[in-house]
């Protein structure tokens, strides 16, 4: 949990604000490293958004005497130490709830899966979801706040903004320029002095997998880190969409269009993974699109080096029914989950929200 303390009047705020509302002095981040339980309440009555009972509402306190509440399926004793341990691994999915500080939550989920190493020389390609020219409140594309948060996280981790590219391309008949402007992602690039990149205008190289030839953008191989930055959606046909399909934007439109008729969706993803470089997926689950097209507020951020595992965990959290076979075949008990437990976040989004 992030806290901000005024250096003059010593008041503490949870909101990510720059100046104290009382004396207008600059605030400094005042995060703790050690947490203990100072209060426990057991809840046995379910509600629409908290269907799993019993659960426990904890009052936590850090060494700076900052206090906040936390929902937990595990019972704690008064005075007991509270910590969340990372589970490094390529199959691990980290899940955490964001309140006000998106960059801090992104840092948390990335550290929970083992972290990343970047410096001033690291070349980074970010692939946001950029599907249609729609405003951010439709939750069709990666939100500007989320892209901005990832860029801030990378710079705080040691990256140089000059070496960060934001790549996308259109696989439909609408120019990518329309989507990047209406989604407000172009403003984020300009604000952070990062380079927007139309992947369709880059050079493509042929990569063979068996009897299939993929045309892959050279940018996929010219960067030391690729961050897949999808916004997650609930979908009637695929259950959950966003995470795995977004990496296909590294293919040429010609290659993608022809291959989607040769392979069904899970086979295309599986074959493409064999020729594409490994990417880190940081998925936006803050405000998500339901099957109806309406949005629901979940307030979650997920991270993993396995995009299909992210979709499977997200389907479990939203209690998605009638999953396609390729997601059903991923047994949720076989997916290492770091951070929050599924039962702490789970409710039927389509039915109740």
Protein backbone atom coordinates (compact mmCIF):
# COMPACT_ATOMS: atom_id res chain seq x y z
CA UNK A 1 0.00 0.00 0.00
CA UNK A 2 1.32 3.43 -0.98
CA UNK A 3 1.25 6.36 1.42
CA UNK A 4 2.33 9.96 0.91
CA UNK A 5 3.50 12.14 3.81
CA UNK A 6 3.72 15.91 3.96
CA UNK A 7 7.19 16.91 5.13
CA UNK A 8 5.84 20.07 6.77
CA UNK A 9 2.61 19.20 8.58
CA UNK A 10 3.30 15.41 8.65
CA UNK A 11 -0.19 14.48 7.46
CA UNK A 12 -0.37 11.20 5.53
CA UNK A 13 -2.49 10.49 2.43
CA UNK A 14 -3.23 7.35 0.43
CA UNK A 15 -3.95 9.27 -2.75
CA UNK A 16 -1.22 9.72 -5.35
CA UNK A 17 -1.10 13.52 -5.12
CA UNK A 18 1.90 15.83 -5.47
CA UNK A 19 1.11 18.50 -2.87
CA UNK A 20 -0.48 18.48 0.58
CA UNK A 21 -4.09 19.73 0.36
CA UNK A 22 -3.66 21.53 3.73
CA UNK A 23 -0.33 23.35 3.47
CA UNK A 24 0.55 22.81 -0.21
CA UNK A 25 3.96 21.32 0.58
CA UNK A 26 5.44 18.57 -1.59
CA UNK A 27 4.55 15.03 -0.49
CA UNK A 28 7.03 12.17 -0.28
CA UNK A 29 6.23 8.48 -0.65
CA UNK A 30 6.31 6.77 2.74
CA UNK A 31 5.88 3.05 2.10
CA UNK A 32 6.60 0.45 4.75
CA UNK A 33 8.42 -2.84 4.35
CA UNK A 34 7.18 -4.77 7.38
CA UNK A 35 3.50 -5.32 8.16
CA UNK A 36 1.67 -6.75 11.15
CA UNK A 37 -1.96 -7.56 11.88
CA UNK A 38 -3.54 -5.27 14.48
CA UNK A 39 -7.18 -6.19 13.88
CA UNK A 40 -9.18 -9.20 12.62
CA UNK A 41 -12.88 -9.55 11.78
CA UNK A 42 -14.49 -12.75 10.51
CA UNK A 43 -17.26 -12.38 7.90
CA UNK A 44 -19.69 -15.26 7.43
CA UNK A 45 -22.51 -13.64 5.44
CA UNK A 46 -21.95 -13.56 1.65
CA UNK A 47 -22.79 -10.57 -0.54
CA UNK A 48 -22.99 -10.15 -4.32
CA UNK A 49 -19.36 -9.09 -4.70
CA UNK A 50 -18.07 -11.22 -1.80
CA UNK A 51 -19.72 -14.62 -2.38
CA UNK A 52 -16.98 -16.76 -0.82
CA UNK A 53 -17.29 -17.06 2.96
CA UNK A 54 -15.95 -17.15 5.53
CA UNK A 55 -13.28 -14.55 4.94
CA UNK A 56 -11.37 -12.21 7.21
CA UNK A 57 -11.00 -8.45 7.14
CA UNK A 58 -7.58 -7.53 8.52
CA UNK A 59 -6.35 -4.19 9.77
CA UNK A 60 -2.67 -3.97 8.85
CA UNK A 61 -0.01 -1.58 10.11
CA UNK A 62 3.52 -0.92 8.86
CA UNK A 63 6.58 0.36 10.74
CA UNK A 64 5.55 3.94 9.89
CA UNK A 65 2.17 3.43 11.63
CA UNK A 66 0.29 3.60 8.33
CA UNK A 67 -2.90 1.53 8.58
CA UNK A 68 -5.28 -0.01 6.03
CA UNK A 69 -7.71 -2.92 5.63
CA UNK A 70 -7.10 -6.12 3.67
CA UNK A 71 -9.43 -8.98 2.76
CA UNK A 72 -7.95 -12.44 3.37
CA UNK A 73 -9.12 -16.04 3.15
CA UNK A 74 -6.40 -17.00 5.60
CA UNK A 75 -7.03 -16.38 9.28
CA UNK A 76 -4.38 -14.37 11.12
CA UNK A 77 -3.79 -13.75 14.81
CA UNK A 78 -3.39 -10.33 16.39
CA UNK A 79 0.23 -9.20 16.20
CA UNK A 80 1.12 -11.77 13.53
CA UNK A 81 3.45 -10.74 10.73
CA UNK A 82 1.81 -10.29 7.32
CA UNK A 83 3.83 -10.83 4.17
CA UNK A 84 3.32 -11.85 0.55
CA UNK A 85 6.04 -14.04 -0.94
CA UNK A 86 7.06 -14.01 -4.62
CA UNK A 87 6.79 -17.18 -6.69
CA UNK A 88 9.36 -16.75 -9.48
CA UNK A 89 8.63 -18.77 -12.61
CA UNK A 90 7.44 -18.48 -16.19
CA UNK A 91 4.07 -20.08 -15.40
CA UNK A 92 3.33 -17.98 -12.32
CA UNK A 93 0.49 -15.46 -12.44
CA UNK A 94 0.66 -12.54 -10.02
CA UNK A 95 -2.58 -10.78 -9.07
CA UNK A 96 -2.91 -7.62 -7.01
CA UNK A 97 -5.59 -5.02 -6.44
CA UNK A 98 -4.88 -1.41 -7.37
CA UNK A 99 -6.38 1.52 -5.50
CA UNK A 100 -4.71 4.78 -6.46
CA UNK A 101 -1.10 4.10 -7.46
CA UNK A 102 -0.91 2.16 -10.74
CA UNK A 103 2.93 2.23 -11.11
CA UNK A 104 3.34 0.89 -7.56
CA UNK A 105 0.89 -1.97 -8.21
CA UNK A 106 2.65 -2.82 -11.49
CA UNK A 107 5.93 -2.96 -9.59
CA UNK A 108 4.32 -5.30 -7.04
CA UNK A 109 2.98 -7.83 -9.58
CA UNK A 110 6.23 -7.87 -11.57
CA UNK A 111 8.27 -8.49 -8.41
CA UNK A 112 5.91 -11.29 -7.40
CA UNK A 113 6.85 -13.28 -10.54
CA UNK A 114 10.59 -12.70 -10.15
CA UNK A 115 11.09 -9.12 -11.39
CA UNK A 116 12.91 -7.73 -14.43
CA UNK A 117 16.35 -6.19 -14.98
CA UNK A 118 16.44 -3.01 -17.05
CA UNK A 119 18.95 -0.18 -17.34
CA UNK A 120 19.64 2.90 -19.48
CA UNK A 121 20.74 0.74 -22.41
CA UNK A 122 17.72 -1.61 -22.37
CA UNK A 123 15.59 -1.43 -25.50
CA UNK A 124 11.94 -2.02 -24.64
CA UNK A 125 8.93 -2.60 -26.90
CA UNK A 126 5.47 -2.20 -25.36
CA UNK A 127 2.43 -3.72 -27.14
CA UNK A 128 -0.80 -2.14 -25.86
CA UNK A 129 -4.23 -3.37 -26.94
CA UNK A 130 -5.23 -0.99 -29.70
CA UNK A 131 -8.20 -2.44 -31.54
CA UNK A 132 -10.76 0.25 -32.38
CA UNK A 133 -10.97 4.06 -32.33
CA UNK A 134 -12.91 4.36 -29.07
CA UNK A 135 -12.64 6.53 -25.98
CA UNK A 136 -10.99 4.99 -22.88
CA UNK A 137 -14.24 4.55 -20.93
CA UNK A 138 -15.37 1.82 -23.36
CA UNK A 139 -12.47 -0.41 -22.12
CA UNK A 140 -11.80 -1.47 -25.71
CA UNK A 141 -8.11 -0.49 -25.72
CA UNK A 142 -5.40 -0.30 -23.08
CA UNK A 143 -6.22 2.78 -21.02
CA UNK A 144 -3.92 5.83 -21.12
CA UNK A 145 -3.52 5.65 -17.33
CA UNK A 146 -2.29 2.07 -17.54
CA UNK A 147 0.21 2.73 -20.33
CA UNK A 148 1.44 5.79 -18.45
CA UNK A 149 1.83 3.68 -15.31
CA UNK A 150 3.94 1.06 -17.10
CA UNK A 151 6.22 3.70 -18.61
CA UNK A 152 6.67 5.34 -15.20
CA UNK A 153 7.45 1.93 -13.65
CA UNK A 154 10.09 1.23 -16.31
CA UNK A 155 11.75 4.62 -15.86
CA UNK A 156 11.74 4.20 -12.07
CA UNK A 157 13.36 0.78 -12.62
CA UNK A 158 16.23 2.38 -14.55
CA UNK A 159 15.06 2.45 -18.18
CA UNK A 160 15.65 5.38 -20.53
CA UNK A 161 12.50 6.85 -22.09
CA UNK A 162 14.41 7.26 -25.38
CA UNK A 163 14.74 3.46 -25.62
CA UNK A 164 11.03 2.73 -25.07
CA UNK A 165 8.81 2.17 -28.12
CA UNK A 166 5.02 1.80 -28.12
CA UNK A 167 4.17 -0.57 -30.98
CA UNK A 168 0.82 -1.40 -32.57
CA UNK A 169 -0.82 -2.03 -35.92
CA UNK A 170 -4.32 -2.40 -37.31
CA UNK A 171 -5.60 -5.80 -38.40
CA UNK A 172 -8.91 -4.32 -39.60
CA UNK A 173 -9.81 -1.74 -42.25
CA UNK A 174 -9.41 1.26 -39.92
CA UNK A 175 -6.09 3.12 -39.89
CA UNK A 176 -4.10 2.69 -36.68
CA UNK A 177 -3.81 6.50 -36.47
CA UNK A 178 -7.53 6.76 -35.64
CA UNK A 179 -7.26 4.33 -32.75
CA UNK A 180 -4.07 5.75 -31.26
CA UNK A 181 -5.56 9.24 -31.17
CA UNK A 182 -9.07 8.48 -29.90
CA UNK A 183 -7.77 6.04 -27.27
CA UNK A 184 -5.55 8.90 -25.99
CA UNK A 185 -2.47 6.66 -26.08
CA UNK A 186 -0.70 9.07 -28.42
CA UNK A 187 -0.92 11.76 -25.71
CA UNK A 188 0.81 9.38 -23.31
CA UNK A 189 3.66 8.82 -25.80
CA UNK A 190 4.12 12.56 -26.28
CA UNK A 191 3.94 13.25 -22.53
CA UNK A 192 6.59 10.63 -21.71
CA UNK A 193 8.72 11.34 -24.82
CA UNK A 194 8.48 7.72 -25.97
CA UNK A 195 8.36 6.65 -29.61
CA UNK A 196 5.02 5.50 -31.12
CA UNK A 197 5.64 2.82 -33.73
CA UNK A 198 3.36 1.52 -36.49
CA UNK A 199 4.50 -2.10 -36.72
CA UNK A 200 2.96 -2.49 -40.18
CA UNK A 201 5.62 -0.12 -41.53
CA UNK A 202 8.56 -2.06 -40.09
CA UNK A 203 10.56 -4.73 -41.89
CA UNK A 204 9.30 -8.31 -41.57
CA UNK A 205 11.38 -11.46 -41.58
CA UNK A 206 10.23 -14.99 -42.33
CA UNK A 207 10.31 -17.54 -39.52
CA UNK A 208 9.44 -21.16 -40.26
CA UNK A 209 7.70 -23.50 -37.89
CA UNK A 210 7.25 -26.93 -39.49
CA UNK A 211 5.53 -26.34 -42.81
CA UNK A 212 4.23 -22.92 -41.78
CA UNK A 213 5.94 -19.61 -42.48
CA UNK A 214 5.35 -16.64 -40.18
CA UNK A 215 6.20 -13.06 -41.12
CA UNK A 216 7.44 -11.40 -37.92
CA UNK A 217 8.39 -7.78 -37.41
CA UNK A 218 12.13 -7.24 -36.96
CA UNK A 219 11.28 -5.13 -33.93
CA UNK A 220 10.46 -8.35 -32.10
CA UNK A 221 14.14 -9.29 -32.23
CA UNK A 222 15.69 -5.82 -31.87
CA UNK A 223 14.57 -5.26 -28.28
CA UNK A 224 15.86 -6.71 -25.02
CA UNK A 225 12.38 -6.72 -23.43
CA UNK A 226 8.88 -7.02 -24.92
CA UNK A 227 5.97 -6.09 -22.68
CA UNK A 228 2.56 -7.33 -23.78
CA UNK A 229 0.09 -4.79 -22.37
CA UNK A 230 -3.45 -6.04 -23.03
CA UNK A 231 -6.74 -5.00 -21.53
CA UNK A 232 -8.73 -8.12 -20.58
CA UNK A 233 -12.28 -8.73 -21.81
CA UNK A 234 -14.98 -11.31 -21.26
CA UNK A 235 -16.07 -12.96 -24.52
CA UNK A 236 -18.82 -15.43 -25.44
CA UNK A 237 -16.69 -17.47 -27.85
CA UNK A 238 -13.26 -17.37 -26.22
CA UNK A 239 -14.18 -16.91 -22.58
CA UNK A 240 -11.48 -14.31 -22.01
CA UNK A 241 -9.76 -12.27 -24.72
CA UNK A 242 -6.89 -9.85 -24.76
CA UNK A 243 -3.71 -11.34 -23.36
CA UNK A 244 -2.67 -14.05 -25.84
CA UNK A 245 -4.05 -12.52 -29.04
CA UNK A 246 -2.27 -9.21 -28.49
CA UNK A 247 1.17 -10.72 -29.11
CA UNK A 248 0.02 -11.63 -32.64
CA UNK A 249 0.35 -7.93 -33.51
CA UNK A 250 4.05 -8.74 -34.02
CA UNK A 251 3.04 -10.65 -37.17
CA UNK A 252 2.36 -8.97 -40.47
CA UNK A 253 -1.30 -8.39 -41.30
CA UNK A 254 -0.91 -10.62 -44.36
CA UNK A 255 0.56 -13.45 -42.27
CA UNK A 256 -2.08 -13.12 -39.55
CA UNK A 257 -4.98 -13.02 -42.03
CA UNK A 258 -3.85 -16.15 -43.87
CA UNK A 259 -2.89 -18.15 -40.77
CA UNK A 260 -6.17 -17.57 -38.93
CA UNK A 261 -7.89 -19.53 -41.71
CA UNK A 262 -5.36 -22.38 -41.50
CA UNK A 263 -5.48 -22.79 -37.72
CA UNK A 264 -8.12 -22.44 -35.05
CA UNK A 265 -7.38 -19.82 -32.41
CA UNK A 266 -5.56 -21.98 -29.79
CA UNK A 267 -3.45 -23.69 -32.48
CA UNK A 268 -2.48 -20.31 -33.96
CA UNK A 269 -1.41 -19.04 -30.54
CA UNK A 270 0.58 -22.19 -29.85
CA UNK A 271 2.37 -22.11 -33.21
CA UNK A 272 3.09 -18.37 -33.02
CA UNK A 273 4.64 -18.75 -29.55
CA UNK A 274 7.30 -21.01 -31.08
CA UNK A 275 8.59 -18.28 -33.38
CA UNK A 276 7.95 -15.15 -31.29
CA UNK A 277 10.39 -14.08 -28.54
CA UNK A 278 9.31 -14.43 -24.93
CA UNK A 279 7.33 -11.47 -23.60
CA UNK A 280 6.22 -10.26 -20.20
CA UNK A 281 2.46 -9.78 -20.02
CA UNK A 282 1.14 -7.09 -17.69
CA UNK A 283 -2.63 -7.27 -18.07
CA UNK A 284 -5.08 -4.52 -17.24
CA UNK A 285 -8.10 -5.75 -15.31
CA UNK A 286 -9.09 -2.45 -13.71
CA UNK A 287 -12.15 -1.58 -15.80
CA UNK A 288 -13.07 -4.47 -18.09
CA UNK A 289 -15.58 -5.14 -20.85
CA UNK A 290 -18.27 -7.75 -20.25
CA UNK A 291 -19.89 -9.92 -22.93
CA UNK A 292 -22.64 -7.32 -23.29
CA UNK A 293 -20.11 -4.59 -24.07
CA UNK A 294 -20.83 -2.83 -20.78
CA UNK A 295 -17.94 -2.28 -18.40
CA UNK A 296 -17.32 -3.50 -14.85
CA UNK A 297 -14.84 -2.19 -12.32
CA UNK A 298 -12.56 -4.94 -10.94
CA UNK A 299 -9.48 -2.94 -9.95
CA UNK A 300 -6.99 -5.73 -10.74
CA UNK A 301 -3.59 -5.96 -12.39
CA UNK A 302 -2.12 -9.32 -13.43
CA UNK A 303 1.36 -10.26 -14.62
CA UNK A 304 2.96 -13.41 -16.02
CA UNK A 305 5.32 -14.68 -18.69
CA UNK A 306 2.47 -17.00 -19.75
CA UNK A 307 -0.46 -15.12 -21.32
CA UNK A 308 -2.79 -18.13 -21.44
CA UNK A 309 -2.36 -18.68 -17.71
CA UNK A 310 -3.39 -15.07 -17.16
CA UNK A 311 -6.58 -15.64 -19.14
CA UNK A 312 -7.33 -18.82 -17.18
CA UNK A 313 -6.86 -17.09 -13.82
CA UNK A 314 -8.96 -14.13 -14.94
CA UNK A 315 -11.75 -16.47 -16.06
CA UNK A 316 -11.72 -18.05 -12.60
CA UNK A 317 -11.84 -14.68 -10.84
CA UNK A 318 -14.81 -13.50 -12.91
CA UNK A 319 -16.49 -16.93 -12.53
CA UNK A 320 -16.72 -17.26 -16.31
CA UNK A 321 -18.77 -20.26 -17.39
CA UNK A 322 -18.65 -22.33 -20.60
CA UNK A 323 -14.94 -21.93 -21.22
CA UNK A 324 -13.50 -23.15 -24.54
CA UNK A 325 -11.49 -26.36 -24.40
CA UNK A 326 -8.09 -24.68 -24.67
CA UNK A 327 -8.77 -22.78 -21.41
CA UNK A 328 -10.50 -25.74 -19.74
CA UNK A 329 -7.38 -27.80 -20.37
CA UNK A 330 -5.39 -25.40 -18.18
CA UNK A 331 -6.13 -26.72 -14.70
CA UNK A 332 -6.34 -23.82 -12.30
CA UNK A 333 -4.75 -25.89 -9.53
CA UNK A 334 -1.66 -26.29 -11.73
CA UNK A 335 -1.13 -22.54 -12.14
CA UNK A 336 1.12 -20.99 -9.45
CA UNK A 337 -0.62 -17.83 -8.22
CA UNK A 338 1.24 -15.13 -6.31
CA UNK A 339 -0.22 -12.16 -4.45
CA UNK A 340 -3.96 -12.34 -3.90
CA UNK A 341 -5.89 -15.59 -3.72
CA UNK A 342 -8.62 -16.15 -6.28
CA UNK A 343 -11.30 -16.59 -3.62
CA UNK A 344 -10.54 -13.13 -2.21
CA UNK A 345 -11.40 -11.49 -5.55
CA UNK A 346 -13.94 -13.86 -7.07
CA UNK A 347 -17.51 -12.98 -7.99
CA UNK A 348 -19.84 -13.41 -10.98
CA UNK A 349 -19.13 -10.24 -12.95
CA UNK A 350 -21.64 -10.94 -15.73
CA UNK A 351 -24.49 -11.58 -13.32
CA UNK A 352 -24.11 -8.97 -10.66
CA UNK A 353 -22.09 -6.00 -11.84
